[in-house]
Protein backbone atom coordinates (compact mmCIF):
# COMPACT_ATOMS: atom_id res chain seq x y z
CA MET A 1 90.66 89.87 79.73
CA THR A 2 92.01 90.69 83.52
CA ARG A 3 90.08 93.31 85.98
CA LEU A 4 90.92 93.67 89.82
CA ILE A 5 90.81 96.19 92.14
CA TYR A 6 93.73 97.29 94.07
CA LEU A 7 92.90 99.13 97.29
CA SER A 8 95.33 99.65 100.44
CA ASP A 9 95.60 101.14 104.15
CA SER A 10 92.03 100.33 105.64
CA HIS A 11 93.63 100.18 108.86
CA HIS A 12 91.28 98.15 110.93
CA GLY A 13 91.02 99.07 115.03
CA GLY A 14 92.66 102.22 114.33
CA GLY A 15 91.23 105.78 114.73
CA PRO A 16 91.00 109.35 114.52
CA GLN A 17 94.42 109.31 116.47
CA GLY A 18 96.23 107.32 113.80
CA TYR A 19 97.92 108.58 110.62
CA HIS A 20 95.51 109.98 108.00
CA ARG A 21 95.54 112.69 105.25
CA GLN A 22 91.76 112.55 104.64
CA PRO A 23 88.78 112.14 107.65
CA PRO A 24 89.13 108.55 108.47
CA TYR A 25 85.92 106.08 109.33
CA ILE A 26 87.24 102.89 110.12
CA GLU A 27 84.76 102.42 112.15
CA ARG A 28 82.51 101.96 108.81
CA LEU A 29 84.58 99.55 106.89
CA PRO A 30 81.93 96.94 107.06
CA GLN A 31 79.65 99.37 105.13
CA LEU A 32 82.59 100.57 102.92
CA ILE A 33 83.32 96.91 101.65
CA ALA A 34 79.51 96.25 101.36
CA ALA A 35 79.40 99.01 98.93
CA LEU A 36 82.69 98.27 97.06
CA GLU A 37 80.85 94.48 96.66
CA LEU A 38 77.77 96.47 95.11
CA TRP A 39 79.57 98.72 93.24
CA MET A 40 81.61 95.02 91.73
CA ARG A 41 78.33 93.44 90.93
CA GLN A 42 76.78 96.09 89.23
CA GLN A 43 80.30 96.16 87.03
CA GLY A 44 80.86 92.84 86.32
CA GLY A 45 83.65 90.97 85.52
CA ILE A 46 85.84 91.72 89.03
CA GLU A 47 88.19 88.74 89.56
CA LEU A 48 89.82 89.78 92.61
CA VAL A 49 90.48 92.22 95.22
CA LEU A 50 94.67 93.13 95.82
CA HIS A 51 94.95 94.89 99.32
CA GLY A 52 98.30 96.94 99.39
CA GLY A 53 98.93 96.59 103.26
CA ASP A 54 97.78 97.79 106.32
CA MET A 55 95.08 95.92 106.52
CA VAL A 56 95.07 96.45 110.43
CA GLU A 57 96.54 99.15 112.87
CA TRP A 58 97.94 96.55 115.06
CA ALA A 59 98.77 93.07 114.67
CA GLU A 60 96.78 91.29 117.10
CA ALA A 61 94.68 88.24 116.95
CA ASP A 62 91.40 89.69 117.23
CA LEU A 63 91.64 92.55 115.03
CA ILE A 64 93.57 90.32 112.07
CA ALA A 65 90.24 88.17 112.36
CA ARG A 66 87.85 90.33 112.62
CA ALA A 67 89.70 92.13 109.46
CA VAL A 68 89.76 89.04 107.88
CA GLY A 69 86.31 88.33 108.72
CA ASP A 70 85.15 91.69 107.05
CA TRP A 71 86.82 91.27 103.68
CA ALA A 72 85.64 87.43 103.54
CA ALA A 73 81.85 89.54 102.74
CA LEU A 74 83.43 90.14 99.34
CA SER A 75 82.30 87.31 96.37
CA VAL A 76 85.91 87.88 94.78
CA PRO A 77 89.20 86.31 96.02
CA VAL A 78 91.16 89.19 98.63
CA TYR A 79 94.69 88.96 98.56
CA LEU A 80 97.42 91.17 100.82
CA ALA A 81 100.77 92.33 100.49
CA LEU A 82 101.50 93.11 104.15
CA GLY A 83 102.47 96.55 105.41
CA ASN A 84 104.24 97.64 108.27
CA HIS A 85 100.94 97.98 110.68
CA ASP A 86 100.42 94.15 109.36
CA LEU A 87 103.62 92.97 111.22
CA ASN A 88 104.10 95.13 114.30
CA THR A 89 103.80 92.36 116.68
CA PRO A 90 107.10 89.95 116.72
CA ASP A 91 104.58 86.93 116.14
CA ALA A 92 102.50 88.96 113.69
CA LEU A 93 103.20 86.53 110.31
CA ASP A 94 102.63 83.70 112.31
CA LEU A 95 98.74 85.45 113.43
CA TRP A 96 98.49 86.19 109.64
CA ARG A 97 98.83 82.82 108.66
CA LYS A 98 96.33 81.49 111.43
CA PHE A 99 93.69 83.79 110.17
CA GLY A 100 94.35 84.99 106.95
CA GLY A 101 96.51 82.23 105.17
CA HIS A 102 93.90 82.45 102.32
CA LEU A 103 95.07 85.95 101.53
CA PHE A 104 98.62 84.29 100.69
CA PRO A 105 98.44 81.71 98.03
CA GLY A 106 100.39 78.47 98.76
CA GLY A 107 100.84 80.08 102.50
CA GLU A 108 103.97 82.28 101.91
CA PRO A 109 103.45 86.07 101.97
CA ALA A 110 105.37 86.31 98.86
CA PHE A 111 103.73 85.19 96.07
CA THR A 112 103.21 85.25 92.23
CA LEU A 113 99.08 85.11 90.54
CA ASP A 114 98.94 84.16 86.89
CA LEU A 115 96.48 85.66 85.62
CA ASP A 116 94.92 85.03 81.77
CA ASP A 117 96.91 88.48 80.69
CA CYS A 118 99.63 88.92 83.17
CA LEU A 119 101.64 87.50 86.13
CA LEU A 120 101.25 89.65 89.37
CA HIS A 121 104.11 89.76 91.71
CA VAL A 122 103.23 90.35 95.73
CA VAL A 123 106.47 90.62 97.81
CA PRO A 124 106.16 92.29 101.35
CA THR A 125 108.13 94.67 102.33
CA GLN A 126 110.81 94.38 105.00
CA TRP A 127 111.19 97.15 107.86
CA GLY A 128 114.74 96.13 109.44
CA THR A 129 117.10 93.68 110.44
CA ARG A 130 114.67 91.50 111.76
CA PRO A 131 112.25 89.42 109.09
CA PHE A 132 108.24 90.61 109.15
CA PHE A 133 108.68 92.89 112.22
CA TRP A 134 107.86 96.78 112.19
CA ASP A 135 109.27 98.07 115.91
CA GLY A 136 107.18 101.22 115.63
CA ALA A 137 109.61 103.46 115.06
CA HIS A 138 109.59 105.08 111.69
CA PRO A 139 109.20 103.51 108.55
CA HIS A 140 112.40 102.16 106.84
CA ALA A 141 111.69 100.01 103.90
CA CYS A 142 113.83 97.75 102.52
CA LEU A 143 114.10 94.38 100.70
CA TYR A 144 116.08 91.52 101.62
CA PRO A 145 118.98 90.40 98.64
CA GLU A 146 117.01 86.84 99.03
CA GLN A 147 113.65 88.40 98.65
CA LEU A 148 115.17 90.55 95.60
CA ALA A 149 116.99 87.48 94.19
CA GLU A 150 113.60 85.02 94.10
CA LEU A 151 111.63 87.98 92.53
CA GLU A 152 114.39 88.84 89.80
CA ALA A 153 113.67 84.53 88.61
CA ARG A 154 109.71 85.30 89.04
CA ILE A 155 110.46 87.99 86.73
CA ALA A 156 113.20 86.66 84.49
CA GLY A 157 110.60 83.21 84.38
CA GLY A 158 107.88 85.30 83.04
CA TYR A 159 109.77 86.95 79.93
CA GLY A 160 107.30 88.31 77.29
CA ILE A 161 104.66 88.45 79.51
CA PRO A 162 103.27 91.65 80.96
CA GLN A 163 103.74 91.73 84.54
CA PHE A 164 103.28 93.66 87.96
CA LEU A 165 104.23 93.93 91.39
CA CYS A 166 102.49 94.94 94.57
CA CYS A 167 104.90 95.74 97.61
CA HIS A 168 103.78 98.26 100.08
CA SER A 169 106.14 100.92 99.97
CA ALA A 170 106.42 102.72 97.17
CA PRO A 171 109.72 103.22 95.06
CA ARG A 172 109.65 107.27 95.35
CA GLY A 173 107.68 109.39 97.98
CA VAL A 174 104.42 111.97 96.99
CA PRO A 175 106.28 114.11 94.43
CA ALA A 176 106.60 117.65 95.87
CA ALA A 177 104.67 119.10 92.22
CA GLN A 178 101.32 117.20 93.77
CA THR A 179 101.66 117.99 97.49
CA GLY A 180 103.34 121.58 97.11
CA ALA A 181 105.84 121.30 99.08
CA ASP A 182 109.82 121.61 98.55
CA HIS A 183 110.64 118.18 98.76
CA ASP A 184 109.03 114.52 97.88
CA ASP A 185 106.93 113.67 100.83
CA ASP A 186 107.27 109.97 102.80
CA ALA A 187 110.16 109.06 100.25
CA PRO A 188 111.68 105.95 101.24
CA PRO A 189 115.31 105.09 101.73
CA GLU A 190 117.58 105.66 98.60
CA ALA A 191 118.44 101.90 98.82
CA TYR A 192 115.14 100.63 98.45
CA SER A 193 114.47 102.81 95.35
CA GLU A 194 117.72 101.84 93.73
CA ALA A 195 116.33 98.20 93.64
CA LEU A 196 113.16 98.72 92.71
CA ASP A 197 114.85 101.20 89.83
CA ASP A 198 117.23 98.26 88.87
CA LEU A 199 114.32 95.94 88.46
CA ALA A 200 111.98 98.15 86.38
CA THR A 201 115.12 98.95 84.30
CA ALA A 202 116.38 95.16 83.96
CA TYR A 203 112.98 93.92 83.25
CA PRO A 204 110.87 95.66 80.67
CA ASP A 205 108.00 93.40 80.85
CA LEU A 206 107.97 94.99 84.89
CA LEU A 207 105.40 97.37 83.57
CA LEU A 208 103.77 98.62 86.79
CA ILE A 209 104.60 98.71 90.64
CA LEU A 210 101.58 98.87 92.88
CA SER A 211 101.88 100.57 96.42
CA GLY A 212 99.95 102.19 99.25
CA HIS A 213 101.52 103.53 102.18
CA SER A 214 101.75 107.32 101.39
CA HIS A 215 97.41 107.37 101.82
CA CYS A 216 98.33 109.65 98.54
CA ASN A 217 96.86 108.52 94.97
CA SER A 218 100.58 109.26 93.15
CA LEU A 219 101.75 107.86 89.89
CA GLY A 220 105.31 108.26 88.12
CA ASP A 221 107.66 106.70 85.53
CA LEU A 222 110.38 104.05 86.62
CA GLY A 223 112.64 102.54 84.17
CA GLU A 224 110.09 101.94 81.02
CA GLY A 225 107.39 101.06 83.68
CA HIS A 226 105.40 103.30 86.10
CA TRP A 227 104.50 102.91 89.59
CA LEU A 228 101.82 104.26 91.81
CA THR A 229 100.28 104.08 95.40
CA ALA A 230 96.46 103.66 96.11
CA SER A 231 94.67 106.66 98.82
CA SER A 232 93.39 104.88 102.20
CA PHE A 233 90.54 103.18 101.61
CA SER A 234 89.22 104.10 105.15
CA GLU A 235 89.59 107.58 104.44
CA SER A 236 87.26 109.68 102.44
CA PRO A 237 86.47 109.83 99.64
CA PHE A 238 87.17 106.20 99.92
CA GLU A 239 89.35 105.41 96.76
CA PHE A 240 90.09 102.32 95.30
CA LYS A 241 91.90 101.62 91.42
CA ASP A 242 90.09 99.72 89.17
CA ILE A 243 92.52 97.86 86.92
CA GLU A 244 91.63 96.49 83.31
CA ILE A 245 94.82 94.14 81.46
CA SER A 246 93.75 92.71 77.95
CA ASP A 247 95.65 91.95 74.92
CA GLU A 248 95.93 95.27 73.81
CA GLY A 249 97.12 97.01 76.72
CA LEU A 250 96.21 98.37 80.50
CA THR A 251 93.96 101.02 81.63
CA VAL A 252 94.21 101.89 85.53
CA ARG A 253 91.32 104.54 87.00
CA THR A 254 90.57 105.70 90.38
CA VAL A 255 86.65 105.12 91.45
CA SER A 256 84.95 106.91 94.39
CA LEU A 257 82.63 105.56 96.57
CA PHE A 258 82.11 109.19 98.29
CA HIS A 259 78.22 109.08 96.80
CA GLU A 260 77.84 105.32 97.15
CA VAL A 261 77.81 105.00 100.95
CA GLY A 262 74.83 105.69 103.33
CA TRP A 263 76.17 108.89 104.94
CA ARG A 264 77.56 112.03 105.00
CA ALA A 265 81.33 111.82 104.83
CA ALA A 266 83.69 115.23 105.76
CA TYR A 267 86.17 115.97 103.31
CA ASP A 268 89.07 118.12 103.77
CA PHE A 269 89.82 120.44 101.13
CA ASP A 270 93.77 121.73 102.41
CA ALA A 271 94.66 118.12 101.86
CA ALA A 272 92.94 117.50 98.63
CA TYR A 273 96.56 116.59 96.81
CA ALA A 274 96.10 113.63 98.59
CA GLN A 275 93.49 112.29 95.87
CA GLY A 276 96.03 113.58 93.23
CA ARG A 277 95.95 115.26 90.04
CA PRO A 278 94.62 114.16 86.87
CA CYS A 279 97.50 112.75 85.76
CA ASP A 280 98.44 110.85 89.20
CA ARG A 281 94.57 109.12 88.82
CA GLN A 282 94.81 107.40 85.56
CA LEU A 283 96.73 105.28 83.33
CA THR A 284 96.33 103.77 80.18
CA LEU A 285 99.30 101.82 78.39
CA THR A 286 98.99 100.23 75.35
CA TRP A 287 101.10 97.35 73.51
């Protein structure tokens, strides 16, 4: 069995002026990480933590080094799928390699983890024509043809093995049925959605795409598989995904640290959609 934690959008260095859906407690991240460590020790069997991107608010050397140091307090390896905020300076990728190269096995931001029961692929979403750079404009997610070709080769090489993909931007927006709006929120460009749709349709072994970016817990179908997003770990109620993979199947559940932290956090009930409906928070697959 493989058991891992998936979380996203910690935004080290950010504050209440930044994008958020629930009250952010970014200044409390060391305490939140300590609470996560305690939870993992009580559970036992957690092998790794996968961070879905936007680990930092701004890609500068001191902030990256501080964030990487905070996450190093965990007793299991931490891996990162770079997000747009992680890449908002021209030299961002060089800084990540310098201060957080261990977050990328082999030193490259696109990688595959060969776990006991599955393959976990990580591919950084791109945000324009310049690789690994977001200029701060409205995020326009894309994947370059060479990225897709390399990813497809890796997926094809794992034929018959359950496979998962992590990229910061989801293949779908937050469903209107979840938010109560008249359209899906924060939807990516059509070409990005189509590229991930095509992969999920062509490769039934690709069972689940993990993303963040929206700061919401959402879940939906994609080809023969599914996609999900995680809410912001640094926003109340401090949630993450507990994922188990075995010979029999997959389970995903959403866990909150709201009652495990040492302070009384605020919560905006008008934005409770960010936590999702029951169908957005859990998934069980058997094979």
